[in-house]
């Protein structure tokens, strides 16, 4: 007579399947971003609601997400404070946000640049600032918003070069930048998967046959 599988092992095995499916879904949701304004189009020039829609969000994927562009201040062309709308899926978290920025053209003297992190509601009709910082330029691969990370709540977020300070005097400047956003699976999903796999192994272990012959 087969004594069967212990209930706890069955529960853990079911958990393994569920968590593995969730991990696969999060991983397959999107590849890491590699967005280049010169190839993929100009990013919206402000973070105000109405300039973005949920469908225009860039889906963050596990790995290194890159956003490269050029922002302009002053001159005869309207200033562009580039904003990238990001979508974070369940099972992933934003681990770090780094930025490189340097003036590449123009006669304006730019002392500081304003960078900002935002959150949006589910319809991208309401926006709230999480934090802004004002680093001196130029800088390379500098991490920002450290005290607000990691972010593990699924939803819409935004990163922006939101302005400059310095001596413009009706002159202009172009600033090249690259965002480097590291996204990883949530640590809890890995732990649950490990527990589930243990249960699965218990389920597969031979239980033997009980002898009731006396």
C-alpha atoms as a PDB file:
ATOM      1  CA  UNK A   1       0.000   0.000   0.000  1.00  0.00           C
ATOM      2  CA  UNK A   2       1.366   3.376  -0.983  1.00  0.00           C
ATOM      3  CA  UNK A   3       1.235   5.753   1.989  1.00  0.00           C
ATOM      4  CA  UNK A   4       1.041   8.687  -0.431  1.00  0.00           C
ATOM      5  CA  UNK A   5       2.563  12.143  -0.396  1.00  0.00           C
ATOM      6  CA  UNK A   6       2.599  14.246   2.730  1.00  0.00           C
ATOM      7  CA  UNK A   7       0.195  17.257   2.524  1.00  0.00           C
ATOM      8  CA  UNK A   8       2.966  19.754   3.303  1.00  0.00           C
ATOM      9  CA  UNK A   9       5.014  18.465   0.391  1.00  0.00           C
ATOM     10  CA  UNK A  10       2.027  18.869  -1.908  1.00  0.00           C
ATOM     11  CA  UNK A  11       1.526  22.458  -0.784  1.00  0.00           C
ATOM     12  CA  UNK A  12       5.199  23.293  -1.278  1.00  0.00           C
ATOM     13  CA  UNK A  13       5.189  21.652  -4.690  1.00  0.00           C
ATOM     14  CA  UNK A  14       2.169  23.723  -5.749  1.00  0.00           C
ATOM     15  CA  UNK A  15       3.941  26.810  -4.442  1.00  0.00           C
ATOM     16  CA  UNK A  16       6.969  25.933  -6.552  1.00  0.00           C
ATOM     17  CA  UNK A  17       4.863  25.820  -9.704  1.00  0.00           C
ATOM     18  CA  UNK A  18       3.079  29.092  -8.906  1.00  0.00           C
ATOM     19  CA  UNK A  19       6.231  31.002  -8.029  1.00  0.00           C
ATOM     20  CA  UNK A  20       8.115  29.632 -11.016  1.00  0.00           C
ATOM     21  CA  UNK A  21       5.291  30.789 -13.284  1.00  0.00           C
ATOM     22  CA  UNK A  22       5.344  34.248 -11.673  1.00  0.00           C
ATOM     23  CA  UNK A  23       9.114  34.508 -12.110  1.00  0.00           C
ATOM     24  CA  UNK A  24       8.855  33.488 -15.759  1.00  0.00           C
ATOM     25  CA  UNK A  25       6.076  36.016 -16.371  1.00  0.00           C
ATOM     26  CA  UNK A  26       8.071  38.851 -14.803  1.00  0.00           C
ATOM     27  CA  UNK A  27      11.195  37.930 -16.730  1.00  0.00           C
ATOM     28  CA  UNK A  28       9.367  37.577 -20.026  1.00  0.00           C
ATOM     29  CA  UNK A  29       7.328  40.766 -19.587  1.00  0.00           C
ATOM     30  CA  UNK A  30       9.961  42.984 -21.203  1.00  0.00           C
ATOM     31  CA  UNK A  31      13.574  43.006 -22.240  1.00  0.00           C
ATOM     32  CA  UNK A  32      15.756  45.742 -20.744  1.00  0.00           C
ATOM     33  CA  UNK A  33      15.267  49.157 -22.367  1.00  0.00           C
ATOM     34  CA  UNK A  34      17.835  50.443 -24.842  1.00  0.00           C
ATOM     35  CA  UNK A  35      16.210  53.724 -25.888  1.00  0.00           C
ATOM     36  CA  UNK A  36      18.068  56.289 -27.984  1.00  0.00           C
ATOM     37  CA  UNK A  37      16.315  59.577 -28.794  1.00  0.00           C
ATOM     38  CA  UNK A  38      18.223  59.933 -32.051  1.00  0.00           C
ATOM     39  CA  UNK A  39      16.799  56.601 -33.240  1.00  0.00           C
ATOM     40  CA  UNK A  40      13.580  56.024 -31.312  1.00  0.00           C
ATOM     41  CA  UNK A  41      12.192  59.571 -31.182  1.00  0.00           C
ATOM     42  CA  UNK A  42      12.161  62.619 -28.924  1.00  0.00           C
ATOM     43  CA  UNK A  43      11.056  62.032 -25.349  1.00  0.00           C
ATOM     44  CA  UNK A  44       8.303  64.293 -23.970  1.00  0.00           C
ATOM     45  CA  UNK A  45       9.741  67.609 -22.825  1.00  0.00           C
ATOM     46  CA  UNK A  46       7.935  67.777 -19.496  1.00  0.00           C
ATOM     47  CA  UNK A  47       6.625  65.502 -16.757  1.00  0.00           C
ATOM     48  CA  UNK A  48       3.165  67.053 -16.509  1.00  0.00           C
ATOM     49  CA  UNK A  49       0.106  64.792 -16.869  1.00  0.00           C
ATOM     50  CA  UNK A  50      -1.330  64.798 -20.369  1.00  0.00           C
ATOM     51  CA  UNK A  51       2.005  64.413 -22.141  1.00  0.00           C
ATOM     52  CA  UNK A  52       2.185  60.718 -21.303  1.00  0.00           C
ATOM     53  CA  UNK A  53      -0.211  57.788 -21.584  1.00  0.00           C
ATOM     54  CA  UNK A  54       0.061  54.284 -20.103  1.00  0.00           C
ATOM     55  CA  UNK A  55       0.671  52.958 -23.602  1.00  0.00           C
ATOM     56  CA  UNK A  56       3.686  55.230 -24.110  1.00  0.00           C
ATOM     57  CA  UNK A  57       5.539  53.895 -21.064  1.00  0.00           C
ATOM     58  CA  UNK A  58       8.857  52.133 -21.513  1.00  0.00           C
ATOM     59  CA  UNK A  59       8.582  48.688 -19.905  1.00  0.00           C
ATOM     60  CA  UNK A  60      11.513  48.032 -17.602  1.00  0.00           C
ATOM     61  CA  UNK A  61      13.094  44.596 -17.897  1.00  0.00           C
ATOM     62  CA  UNK A  62      15.441  42.676 -15.619  1.00  0.00           C
ATOM     63  CA  UNK A  63      18.964  43.850 -16.347  1.00  0.00           C
ATOM     64  CA  UNK A  64      20.512  47.178 -17.372  1.00  0.00           C
ATOM     65  CA  UNK A  65      18.004  49.617 -18.875  1.00  0.00           C
ATOM     66  CA  UNK A  66      19.560  52.452 -20.907  1.00  0.00           C
ATOM     67  CA  UNK A  67      17.967  55.734 -22.014  1.00  0.00           C
ATOM     68  CA  UNK A  68      20.152  58.086 -24.068  1.00  0.00           C
ATOM     69  CA  UNK A  69      19.256  61.535 -25.325  1.00  0.00           C
ATOM     70  CA  UNK A  70      20.056  65.236 -25.672  1.00  0.00           C
ATOM     71  CA  UNK A  71      18.415  68.006 -23.702  1.00  0.00           C
ATOM     72  CA  UNK A  72      18.480  71.689 -24.698  1.00  0.00           C
ATOM     73  CA  UNK A  73      18.390  74.857 -22.654  1.00  0.00           C
ATOM     74  CA  UNK A  74      17.783  78.347 -24.043  1.00  0.00           C
ATOM     75  CA  UNK A  75      18.293  79.691 -27.513  1.00  0.00           C
ATOM     76  CA  UNK A  76      15.598  80.171 -30.146  1.00  0.00           C
ATOM     77  CA  UNK A  77      14.265  76.626 -29.743  1.00  0.00           C
ATOM     78  CA  UNK A  78      12.068  75.772 -26.772  1.00  0.00           C
ATOM     79  CA  UNK A  79      13.944  74.126 -23.939  1.00  0.00           C
ATOM     80  CA  UNK A  80      13.467  70.367 -23.616  1.00  0.00           C
ATOM     81  CA  UNK A  81      13.488  68.818 -20.164  1.00  0.00           C
ATOM     82  CA  UNK A  82      13.370  65.196 -21.256  1.00  0.00           C
ATOM     83  CA  UNK A  83      11.182  62.860 -19.238  1.00  0.00           C
ATOM     84  CA  UNK A  84      11.051  59.091 -19.606  1.00  0.00           C
ATOM     85  CA  UNK A  85       7.877  57.350 -18.430  1.00  0.00           C
ATOM     86  CA  UNK A  86       8.715  53.908 -17.046  1.00  0.00           C
ATOM     87  CA  UNK A  87       6.546  50.915 -16.196  1.00  0.00           C
ATOM     88  CA  UNK A  88       7.620  48.496 -13.463  1.00  0.00           C
ATOM     89  CA  UNK A  89       5.971  45.075 -13.530  1.00  0.00           C
ATOM     90  CA  UNK A  90       5.112  42.806 -10.588  1.00  0.00           C
ATOM     91  CA  UNK A  91       8.030  40.648  -9.467  1.00  0.00           C
ATOM     92  CA  UNK A  92      10.688  43.227 -10.397  1.00  0.00           C
ATOM     93  CA  UNK A  93      12.324  46.069  -8.516  1.00  0.00           C
ATOM     94  CA  UNK A  94      14.374  49.128  -9.447  1.00  0.00           C
ATOM     95  CA  UNK A  95      17.691  48.548  -7.717  1.00  0.00           C
ATOM     96  CA  UNK A  96      19.677  51.628  -8.771  1.00  0.00           C
ATOM     97  CA  UNK A  97      19.407  54.701 -11.005  1.00  0.00           C
ATOM     98  CA  UNK A  98      22.587  56.252 -12.401  1.00  0.00           C
ATOM     99  CA  UNK A  99      23.051  59.152 -14.798  1.00  0.00           C
ATOM    100  CA  UNK A 100      25.849  60.552 -16.944  1.00  0.00           C
ATOM    101  CA  UNK A 101      25.518  64.128 -18.257  1.00  0.00           C
ATOM    102  CA  UNK A 102      27.803  66.669 -19.946  1.00  0.00           C
ATOM    103  CA  UNK A 103      27.397  69.826 -22.035  1.00  0.00           C
ATOM    104  CA  UNK A 104      28.374  69.101 -25.614  1.00  0.00           C
ATOM    105  CA  UNK A 105      27.586  72.376 -27.376  1.00  0.00           C
ATOM    106  CA  UNK A 106      26.528  75.971 -26.772  1.00  0.00           C
ATOM    107  CA  UNK A 107      27.844  79.072 -25.007  1.00  0.00           C
ATOM    108  CA  UNK A 108      25.704  78.991 -21.874  1.00  0.00           C
ATOM    109  CA  UNK A 109      27.453  78.409 -18.569  1.00  0.00           C
ATOM    110  CA  UNK A 110      25.582  75.652 -16.788  1.00  0.00           C
ATOM    111  CA  UNK A 111      26.541  75.157 -13.157  1.00  0.00           C
ATOM    112  CA  UNK A 112      23.950  72.667 -11.978  1.00  0.00           C
ATOM    113  CA  UNK A 113      21.469  70.287 -13.544  1.00  0.00           C
ATOM    114  CA  UNK A 114      18.203  69.244 -11.921  1.00  0.00           C
ATOM    115  CA  UNK A 115      17.314  65.543 -12.041  1.00  0.00           C
ATOM    116  CA  UNK A 116      14.050  64.208 -10.681  1.00  0.00           C
ATOM    117  CA  UNK A 117      12.250  60.960  -9.915  1.00  0.00           C
ATOM    118  CA  UNK A 118       8.444  60.803 -10.137  1.00  0.00           C
ATOM    119  CA  UNK A 119       5.586  58.411  -9.543  1.00  0.00           C
ATOM    120  CA  UNK A 120       2.334  58.374 -11.525  1.00  0.00           C
ATOM    121  CA  UNK A 121      -1.065  56.913 -10.843  1.00  0.00           C
ATOM    122  CA  UNK A 122      -2.412  53.950 -12.820  1.00  0.00           C
ATOM    123  CA  UNK A 123      -3.898  56.183 -15.546  1.00  0.00           C
ATOM    124  CA  UNK A 124      -0.861  58.513 -15.724  1.00  0.00           C
ATOM    125  CA  UNK A 125      -3.129  61.498 -15.056  1.00  0.00           C
ATOM    126  CA  UNK A 126      -1.598  62.420 -11.712  1.00  0.00           C
ATOM    127  CA  UNK A 127       2.104  62.819 -10.918  1.00  0.00           C
ATOM    128  CA  UNK A 128       4.022  63.256  -7.668  1.00  0.00           C
ATOM    129  CA  UNK A 129       7.678  64.079  -7.165  1.00  0.00           C
ATOM    130  CA  UNK A 130       9.571  61.465  -5.163  1.00  0.00           C
ATOM    131  CA  UNK A 131      12.849  63.409  -5.036  1.00  0.00           C
ATOM    132  CA  UNK A 132      14.973  65.865  -7.005  1.00  0.00           C
ATOM    133  CA  UNK A 133      18.701  66.504  -6.829  1.00  0.00           C
ATOM    134  CA  UNK A 134      20.956  69.239  -8.279  1.00  0.00           C
ATOM    135  CA  UNK A 135      24.403  67.857  -9.140  1.00  0.00           C
ATOM    136  CA  UNK A 136      27.190  69.902 -10.720  1.00  0.00           C
ATOM    137  CA  UNK A 137      28.082  69.027 -14.304  1.00  0.00           C
ATOM    138  CA  UNK A 138      29.710  67.161 -15.864  1.00  0.00           C
ATOM    139  CA  UNK A 139      29.397  63.801 -14.131  1.00  0.00           C
ATOM    140  CA  UNK A 140      29.497  60.174 -15.206  1.00  0.00           C
ATOM    141  CA  UNK A 141      27.678  57.065 -13.931  1.00  0.00           C
ATOM    142  CA  UNK A 142      26.588  58.861 -10.753  1.00  0.00           C
ATOM    143  CA  UNK A 143      23.875  57.172  -8.692  1.00  0.00           C
ATOM    144  CA  UNK A 144      20.852  59.231  -7.645  1.00  0.00           C
ATOM    145  CA  UNK A 145      17.788  58.800  -5.414  1.00  0.00           C
ATOM    146  CA  UNK A 146      19.723  56.280  -3.319  1.00  0.00           C
ATOM    147  CA  UNK A 147      17.590  56.756  -0.206  1.00  0.00           C
ATOM    148  CA  UNK A 148      14.408  56.022  -2.194  1.00  0.00           C
ATOM    149  CA  UNK A 149      15.616  52.734  -3.657  1.00  0.00           C
ATOM    150  CA  UNK A 150      14.913  49.949  -4.179  1.00  0.00           C
ATOM    151  CA  UNK A 151      11.431  50.488  -5.603  1.00  0.00           C
ATOM    152  CA  UNK A 152       9.450  47.256  -5.662  1.00  0.00           C
ATOM    153  CA  UNK A 153       5.887  48.491  -6.087  1.00  0.00           C
ATOM    154  CA  UNK A 154       4.571  47.859  -9.585  1.00  0.00           C
ATOM    155  CA  UNK A 155       3.372  50.950 -11.414  1.00  0.00           C
ATOM    156  CA  UNK A 156       4.443  53.961 -13.456  1.00  0.00           C
ATOM    157  CA  UNK A 157       7.496  56.073 -12.672  1.00  0.00           C
ATOM    158  CA  UNK A 158       9.436  58.805 -14.412  1.00  0.00           C
ATOM    159  CA  UNK A 159      12.991  60.100 -14.538  1.00  0.00           C
ATOM    160  CA  UNK A 160      13.700  63.565 -15.881  1.00  0.00           C
ATOM    161  CA  UNK A 161      16.353  66.136 -16.561  1.00  0.00           C
ATOM    162  CA  UNK A 162      14.096  68.857 -15.263  1.00  0.00           C
ATOM    163  CA  UNK A 163      16.157  72.046 -15.575  1.00  0.00           C
ATOM    164  CA  UNK A 164      19.447  73.855 -15.212  1.00  0.00           C
ATOM    165  CA  UNK A 165      20.925  76.772 -13.308  1.00  0.00           C
ATOM    166  CA  UNK A 166      23.760  79.023 -14.391  1.00  0.00           C
ATOM    167  CA  UNK A 167      24.478  81.939 -16.715  1.00  0.00           C
ATOM    168  CA  UNK A 168      22.369  81.520 -19.847  1.00  0.00           C
ATOM    169  CA  UNK A 169      21.883  85.194 -20.899  1.00  0.00           C
ATOM    170  CA  UNK A 170      19.734  84.192 -23.865  1.00  0.00           C
ATOM    171  CA  UNK A 171      22.428  81.763 -24.990  1.00  0.00           C
ATOM    172  CA  UNK A 172      21.976  78.030 -25.314  1.00  0.00           C
ATOM    173  CA  UNK A 173      23.472  74.688 -24.388  1.00  0.00           C
ATOM    174  CA  UNK A 174      22.991  71.067 -25.377  1.00  0.00           C
ATOM    175  CA  UNK A 175      23.479  68.358 -22.763  1.00  0.00           C
ATOM    176  CA  UNK A 176      23.984  64.710 -23.667  1.00  0.00           C
ATOM    177  CA  UNK A 177      22.838  62.233 -21.043  1.00  0.00           C
ATOM    178  CA  UNK A 178      22.438  58.516 -20.397  1.00  0.00           C
ATOM    179  CA  UNK A 179      20.231  56.979 -17.725  1.00  0.00           C
ATOM    180  CA  UNK A 180      21.338  53.575 -16.452  1.00  0.00           C
ATOM    181  CA  UNK A 181      18.539  51.889 -14.522  1.00  0.00           C
ATOM    182  CA  UNK A 182      19.306  48.527 -12.928  1.00  0.00           C
ATOM    183  CA  UNK A 183      16.282  46.262 -12.464  1.00  0.00           C
ATOM    184  CA  UNK A 184      16.370  42.907 -10.686  1.00  0.00           C
ATOM    185  CA  UNK A 185      13.796  40.303  -9.612  1.00  0.00           C
ATOM    186  CA  UNK A 186      12.363  40.937  -6.164  1.00  0.00           C
ATOM    187  CA  UNK A 187      14.447  38.996  -3.601  1.00  0.00           C
ATOM    188  CA  UNK A 188      11.333  37.396  -2.089  1.00  0.00           C
ATOM    189  CA  UNK A 189      10.464  35.596  -5.305  1.00  0.00           C
ATOM    190  CA  UNK A 190      13.794  33.792  -5.298  1.00  0.00           C
ATOM    191  CA  UNK A 191      13.319  32.692  -1.688  1.00  0.00           C
ATOM    192  CA  UNK A 192       9.816  31.391  -2.358  1.00  0.00           C
ATOM    193  CA  UNK A 193      11.029  29.567  -5.427  1.00  0.00           C
ATOM    194  CA  UNK A 194      13.747  27.854  -3.388  1.00  0.00           C
ATOM    195  CA  UNK A 195      11.200  26.781  -0.766  1.00  0.00           C
ATOM    196  CA  UNK A 196       8.867  25.536  -3.472  1.00  0.00           C
ATOM    197  CA  UNK A 197      11.597  23.509  -5.141  1.00  0.00           C
ATOM    198  CA  UNK A 198      12.327  21.819  -1.818  1.00  0.00           C
ATOM    199  CA  UNK A 199       8.668  20.842  -1.633  1.00  0.00           C
ATOM    200  CA  UNK A 200       8.779  19.576  -5.186  1.00  0.00           C
ATOM    201  CA  UNK A 201      11.766  17.385  -4.361  1.00  0.00           C
ATOM    202  CA  UNK A 202       9.893  15.962  -1.357  1.00  0.00           C
ATOM    203  CA  UNK A 203       6.954  15.177  -3.587  1.00  0.00           C
ATOM    204  CA  UNK A 204       9.190  13.254  -5.978  1.00  0.00           C
ATOM    205  CA  UNK A 205      10.973  11.267  -3.269  1.00  0.00           C
ATOM    206  CA  UNK A 206       9.936   7.559  -3.206  1.00  0.00           C
ATOM    207  CA  UNK A 207       7.897   6.786  -0.097  1.00  0.00           C
ATOM    208  CA  UNK A 208       8.101   2.972  -0.183  1.00  0.00           C
ATOM    209  CA  UNK A 209       5.380   0.472   0.645  1.00  0.00           C
ATOM    210  CA  UNK A 210       3.959  -0.160   4.085  1.00  0.00           C
ATOM    211  CA  UNK A 211       3.870  -3.783   5.318  1.00  0.00           C
ATOM    212  CA  UNK A 212       0.674  -4.678   7.257  1.00  0.00           C
ATOM    213  CA  UNK A 213       1.168  -8.493   7.169  1.00  0.00           C
ATOM    214  CA  UNK A 214       1.743  -8.624  10.905  1.00  0.00           C
END
